Amino acid sequence: MQFTNRDKVIKDLQQAFQPLIEQYGIEDIGVFEEQGQKNQYHMGYTIRKDGKTYMVHTPYFKNELGQLSAGNSEWTVETDEPSSEDIGGYKGLDEALRSL
């Protein structure tokens, strides 16, 4: 498993902002990150589209040095609405963003 610096992962995510905005009609975009259970970490995007906010992320593993390694290529879409369930299993970022 190859680990990389968290800042590099964030930089890579940020470099995709403008293309994602243009391709998917996103109103606003930022980096999403959240500590999961044990050594799991979630990285992706916080997106506002059509007035709704979504967290679109994929899992990473975090080592004792705080470095990250991609967990798998599946993406999850969450909303900020408490009654909505997370939808996971998207086979890539494109598939997850097309679902919005």
N, C-alpha and C. Protein backbone atom coordinates (compact mmCIF):
# COMPACT_ATOMS: atom_id res chain seq x y z
N MET A 1 0.85 -1.18 0.00
CA MET A 1 0.00 0.00 0.00
C MET A 1 0.90 1.24 0.00
N GLN A 2 0.68 2.12 -0.96
CA GLN A 2 1.50 3.33 -1.06
C GLN A 2 0.78 4.50 -0.38
N PHE A 3 1.48 5.17 0.52
CA PHE A 3 0.91 6.30 1.26
C PHE A 3 1.49 7.61 0.73
N THR A 4 0.68 8.65 0.79
CA THR A 4 1.10 9.97 0.36
C THR A 4 0.67 11.00 1.39
N ASN A 5 1.28 12.14 1.34
CA ASN A 5 0.99 13.22 2.27
C ASN A 5 -0.45 13.71 2.07
N ARG A 6 -1.15 13.99 3.15
CA ARG A 6 -2.52 14.51 3.12
C ARG A 6 -2.61 15.77 2.27
N ASP A 7 -1.62 16.66 2.38
CA ASP A 7 -1.63 17.91 1.62
C ASP A 7 -1.61 17.65 0.12
N LYS A 8 -0.93 16.60 -0.32
CA LYS A 8 -0.89 16.24 -1.75
C LYS A 8 -2.27 15.79 -2.22
N VAL A 9 -2.96 15.00 -1.39
CA VAL A 9 -4.30 14.54 -1.74
C VAL A 9 -5.23 15.76 -1.88
N ILE A 10 -5.15 16.69 -0.93
CA ILE A 10 -5.98 17.89 -0.98
C ILE A 10 -5.66 18.71 -2.23
N LYS A 11 -4.40 18.88 -2.54
CA LYS A 11 -4.01 19.64 -3.73
C LYS A 11 -4.57 19.01 -5.00
N ASP A 12 -4.49 17.68 -5.09
CA ASP A 12 -5.03 16.97 -6.25
C ASP A 12 -6.54 17.18 -6.38
N LEU A 13 -7.25 17.13 -5.25
CA LEU A 13 -8.69 17.37 -5.26
C LEU A 13 -9.00 18.80 -5.72
N GLN A 14 -8.24 19.76 -5.21
CA GLN A 14 -8.48 21.16 -5.55
C GLN A 14 -8.23 21.45 -7.03
N GLN A 15 -7.27 20.78 -7.62
CA GLN A 15 -6.96 21.01 -9.04
C GLN A 15 -8.13 20.63 -9.95
N ALA A 16 -9.02 19.81 -9.47
CA ALA A 16 -10.16 19.37 -10.28
C ALA A 16 -11.38 20.28 -10.11
N PHE A 17 -11.32 21.28 -9.22
CA PHE A 17 -12.49 22.13 -8.95
C PHE A 17 -13.11 22.69 -10.23
N GLN A 18 -12.36 23.44 -11.01
CA GLN A 18 -12.92 24.14 -12.16
C GLN A 18 -13.50 23.19 -13.21
N PRO A 19 -12.78 22.13 -13.58
CA PRO A 19 -13.37 21.18 -14.54
C PRO A 19 -14.68 20.56 -14.02
N LEU A 20 -14.74 20.24 -12.73
CA LEU A 20 -15.95 19.65 -12.16
C LEU A 20 -17.10 20.65 -12.17
N ILE A 21 -16.82 21.89 -11.83
CA ILE A 21 -17.84 22.95 -11.84
C ILE A 21 -18.45 23.06 -13.23
N GLU A 22 -17.60 23.11 -14.24
CA GLU A 22 -18.06 23.28 -15.62
C GLU A 22 -18.80 22.04 -16.13
N GLN A 23 -18.30 20.86 -15.85
CA GLN A 23 -18.88 19.64 -16.40
C GLN A 23 -20.22 19.27 -15.75
N TYR A 24 -20.37 19.54 -14.44
CA TYR A 24 -21.55 19.06 -13.72
C TYR A 24 -22.47 20.18 -13.24
N GLY A 25 -22.21 21.43 -13.62
CA GLY A 25 -23.07 22.54 -13.23
C GLY A 25 -23.11 22.77 -11.73
N ILE A 26 -21.96 22.65 -11.10
CA ILE A 26 -21.84 22.81 -9.64
C ILE A 26 -21.80 24.29 -9.29
N GLU A 27 -22.55 24.67 -8.27
CA GLU A 27 -22.59 26.07 -7.83
C GLU A 27 -21.40 26.44 -6.96
N ASP A 28 -20.98 25.51 -6.09
CA ASP A 28 -19.86 25.75 -5.18
C ASP A 28 -19.23 24.41 -4.85
N ILE A 29 -17.92 24.42 -4.61
CA ILE A 29 -17.21 23.18 -4.33
C ILE A 29 -16.07 23.44 -3.35
N GLY A 30 -15.81 22.48 -2.49
CA GLY A 30 -14.72 22.54 -1.54
C GLY A 30 -14.24 21.14 -1.24
N VAL A 31 -13.18 21.04 -0.48
CA VAL A 31 -12.64 19.73 -0.10
C VAL A 31 -13.39 19.22 1.13
N PHE A 32 -13.74 17.94 1.09
CA PHE A 32 -14.38 17.26 2.22
C PHE A 32 -13.38 16.28 2.80
N GLU A 33 -13.25 16.28 4.11
CA GLU A 33 -12.43 15.27 4.77
C GLU A 33 -13.03 14.95 6.13
N GLU A 34 -12.98 13.66 6.48
CA GLU A 34 -13.59 13.23 7.72
C GLU A 34 -12.87 11.98 8.23
N GLN A 35 -12.55 11.99 9.50
CA GLN A 35 -11.95 10.82 10.14
C GLN A 35 -13.03 9.76 10.32
N GLY A 36 -12.74 8.55 9.89
CA GLY A 36 -13.67 7.44 10.08
C GLY A 36 -13.24 6.62 11.29
N GLN A 37 -13.71 5.40 11.35
CA GLN A 37 -13.34 4.51 12.44
C GLN A 37 -11.93 3.97 12.25
N LYS A 38 -11.23 3.83 13.34
CA LYS A 38 -9.85 3.31 13.36
C LYS A 38 -8.98 4.07 12.38
N ASN A 39 -8.43 3.37 11.37
CA ASN A 39 -7.50 4.02 10.45
C ASN A 39 -8.18 4.45 9.14
N GLN A 40 -9.51 4.49 9.12
CA GLN A 40 -10.21 4.94 7.92
C GLN A 40 -10.34 6.45 7.90
N TYR A 41 -10.27 7.00 6.72
CA TYR A 41 -10.36 8.44 6.51
C TYR A 41 -11.14 8.63 5.22
N HIS A 42 -11.94 9.67 5.12
CA HIS A 42 -12.74 9.92 3.93
C HIS A 42 -12.34 11.26 3.33
N MET A 43 -12.06 11.26 2.03
CA MET A 43 -11.67 12.48 1.32
C MET A 43 -12.53 12.60 0.07
N GLY A 44 -12.83 13.84 -0.29
CA GLY A 44 -13.62 14.09 -1.49
C GLY A 44 -14.03 15.54 -1.56
N TYR A 45 -15.29 15.77 -1.91
CA TYR A 45 -15.77 17.12 -2.15
C TYR A 45 -17.05 17.42 -1.37
N THR A 46 -17.18 18.67 -0.96
CA THR A 46 -18.45 19.21 -0.51
C THR A 46 -18.95 20.04 -1.69
N ILE A 47 -20.15 19.72 -2.14
CA ILE A 47 -20.67 20.31 -3.37
C ILE A 47 -22.04 20.91 -3.11
N ARG A 48 -22.26 22.10 -3.68
CA ARG A 48 -23.60 22.68 -3.68
C ARG A 48 -24.08 22.70 -5.12
N LYS A 49 -25.23 22.07 -5.33
CA LYS A 49 -25.83 22.02 -6.66
C LYS A 49 -27.34 22.11 -6.50
N ASP A 50 -27.95 22.95 -7.30
CA ASP A 50 -29.40 23.17 -7.24
C ASP A 50 -29.85 23.53 -5.83
N GLY A 51 -29.01 24.28 -5.12
CA GLY A 51 -29.35 24.75 -3.77
C GLY A 51 -29.20 23.71 -2.68
N LYS A 52 -28.76 22.50 -3.01
CA LYS A 52 -28.58 21.44 -2.02
C LYS A 52 -27.09 21.17 -1.84
N THR A 53 -26.74 20.71 -0.63
CA THR A 53 -25.35 20.42 -0.32
C THR A 53 -25.13 18.91 -0.23
N TYR A 54 -24.06 18.46 -0.86
CA TYR A 54 -23.70 17.03 -0.89
C TYR A 54 -22.25 16.87 -0.48
N MET A 55 -21.96 15.76 0.17
CA MET A 55 -20.61 15.35 0.46
C MET A 55 -20.36 14.10 -0.38
N VAL A 56 -19.40 14.19 -1.29
CA VAL A 56 -19.09 13.11 -2.21
C VAL A 56 -17.66 12.68 -1.89
N HIS A 57 -17.49 11.44 -1.42
CA HIS A 57 -16.17 11.04 -0.92
C HIS A 57 -15.86 9.58 -1.18
N THR A 58 -14.58 9.27 -1.03
CA THR A 58 -14.07 7.93 -1.20
C THR A 58 -13.17 7.60 0.00
N PRO A 59 -13.05 6.32 0.36
CA PRO A 59 -12.26 5.98 1.55
C PRO A 59 -10.75 5.96 1.31
N TYR A 60 -10.05 6.29 2.35
CA TYR A 60 -8.59 6.21 2.40
C TYR A 60 -8.22 5.51 3.70
N PHE A 61 -7.02 4.98 3.74
CA PHE A 61 -6.45 4.47 4.98
C PHE A 61 -5.42 5.48 5.46
N LYS A 62 -5.39 5.72 6.75
CA LYS A 62 -4.47 6.69 7.35
C LYS A 62 -3.46 5.92 8.20
N ASN A 63 -2.17 6.18 7.99
CA ASN A 63 -1.15 5.51 8.80
C ASN A 63 -0.79 6.35 10.02
N GLU A 64 0.12 5.84 10.83
CA GLU A 64 0.50 6.50 12.08
C GLU A 64 1.20 7.84 11.85
N LEU A 65 1.67 8.11 10.63
CA LEU A 65 2.31 9.38 10.30
C LEU A 65 1.32 10.39 9.73
N GLY A 66 0.04 9.98 9.60
CA GLY A 66 -0.97 10.87 9.05
C GLY A 66 -1.03 10.87 7.53
N GLN A 67 -0.29 9.96 6.91
CA GLN A 67 -0.30 9.86 5.45
C GLN A 67 -1.50 9.01 5.01
N LEU A 68 -1.93 9.21 3.77
CA LEU A 68 -3.12 8.55 3.26
C LEU A 68 -2.82 7.63 2.08
N SER A 69 -3.61 6.56 1.99
CA SER A 69 -3.54 5.64 0.86
C SER A 69 -4.98 5.35 0.43
N ALA A 70 -5.24 5.42 -0.88
CA ALA A 70 -6.59 5.18 -1.39
C ALA A 70 -7.08 3.80 -0.96
N GLY A 71 -8.31 3.75 -0.45
CA GLY A 71 -8.88 2.49 0.01
C GLY A 71 -9.46 1.66 -1.12
N ASN A 72 -10.29 2.27 -1.93
CA ASN A 72 -10.86 1.63 -3.12
C ASN A 72 -11.40 2.74 -4.01
N SER A 73 -11.95 2.37 -5.13
CA SER A 73 -12.40 3.41 -6.07
C SER A 73 -13.89 3.71 -5.94
N GLU A 74 -14.56 3.17 -4.92
CA GLU A 74 -15.99 3.43 -4.75
C GLU A 74 -16.20 4.77 -4.06
N TRP A 75 -17.23 5.48 -4.52
CA TRP A 75 -17.58 6.79 -3.97
C TRP A 75 -18.94 6.73 -3.30
N THR A 76 -19.13 7.58 -2.29
CA THR A 76 -20.38 7.68 -1.55
C THR A 76 -20.90 9.11 -1.67
N VAL A 77 -22.22 9.24 -1.76
CA VAL A 77 -22.87 10.56 -1.79
C VAL A 77 -23.73 10.67 -0.54
N GLU A 78 -23.48 11.73 0.24
CA GLU A 78 -24.28 12.05 1.42
C GLU A 78 -24.92 13.41 1.20
N THR A 79 -26.06 13.64 1.83
CA THR A 79 -26.65 14.98 1.82
C THR A 79 -26.62 15.51 3.24
N ASP A 80 -26.90 16.80 3.39
CA ASP A 80 -26.95 17.38 4.73
C ASP A 80 -28.36 17.31 5.31
N GLU A 81 -29.25 16.60 4.62
CA GLU A 81 -30.62 16.41 5.11
C GLU A 81 -30.66 15.19 6.02
N PRO A 82 -31.11 15.37 7.28
CA PRO A 82 -31.07 14.26 8.24
C PRO A 82 -31.91 13.05 7.84
N SER A 83 -32.95 13.24 7.06
CA SER A 83 -33.82 12.11 6.69
C SER A 83 -33.30 11.32 5.50
N SER A 84 -32.26 11.80 4.87
CA SER A 84 -31.70 11.10 3.69
C SER A 84 -30.63 10.11 4.09
N GLU A 85 -30.60 8.99 3.36
CA GLU A 85 -29.57 7.98 3.60
C GLU A 85 -28.41 8.19 2.64
N ASP A 86 -27.22 7.80 3.09
CA ASP A 86 -26.05 7.86 2.23
C ASP A 86 -26.22 6.83 1.12
N ILE A 87 -25.76 7.18 -0.06
CA ILE A 87 -25.81 6.24 -1.18
C ILE A 87 -24.36 5.95 -1.59
N GLY A 88 -23.96 4.72 -1.44
CA GLY A 88 -22.60 4.33 -1.75
C GLY A 88 -22.54 3.37 -2.92
N GLY A 89 -21.34 2.95 -3.23
CA GLY A 89 -21.14 1.96 -4.27
C GLY A 89 -20.96 2.51 -5.66
N TYR A 90 -20.87 3.83 -5.79
CA TYR A 90 -20.60 4.41 -7.11
C TYR A 90 -19.20 3.98 -7.54
N LYS A 91 -19.05 3.57 -8.75
CA LYS A 91 -17.79 3.00 -9.23
C LYS A 91 -16.75 4.03 -9.62
N GLY A 92 -17.07 5.29 -9.48
CA GLY A 92 -16.13 6.35 -9.76
C GLY A 92 -16.76 7.70 -9.45
N LEU A 93 -15.95 8.73 -9.46
CA LEU A 93 -16.43 10.07 -9.18
C LEU A 93 -17.46 10.51 -10.21
N ASP A 94 -17.22 10.21 -11.47
CA ASP A 94 -18.16 10.61 -12.53
C ASP A 94 -19.55 10.03 -12.26
N GLU A 95 -19.62 8.77 -11.95
CA GLU A 95 -20.92 8.12 -11.69
C GLU A 95 -21.60 8.77 -10.49
N ALA A 96 -20.84 9.07 -9.44
CA ALA A 96 -21.42 9.71 -8.25
C ALA A 96 -21.94 11.10 -8.57
N LEU A 97 -21.19 11.88 -9.33
CA LEU A 97 -21.62 13.25 -9.64
C LEU A 97 -22.79 13.27 -10.62
N ARG A 98 -22.88 12.33 -11.51
CA ARG A 98 -24.02 12.26 -12.43
C ARG A 98 -25.31 11.94 -11.68
N SER A 99 -25.22 11.35 -10.50
CA SER A 99 -26.41 11.01 -9.72
C SER A 99 -27.03 12.23 -9.03
N LEU A 100 -26.30 13.33 -8.97
CA LEU A 100 -26.81 14.51 -8.27
C LEU A 100 -27.87 15.24 -9.09
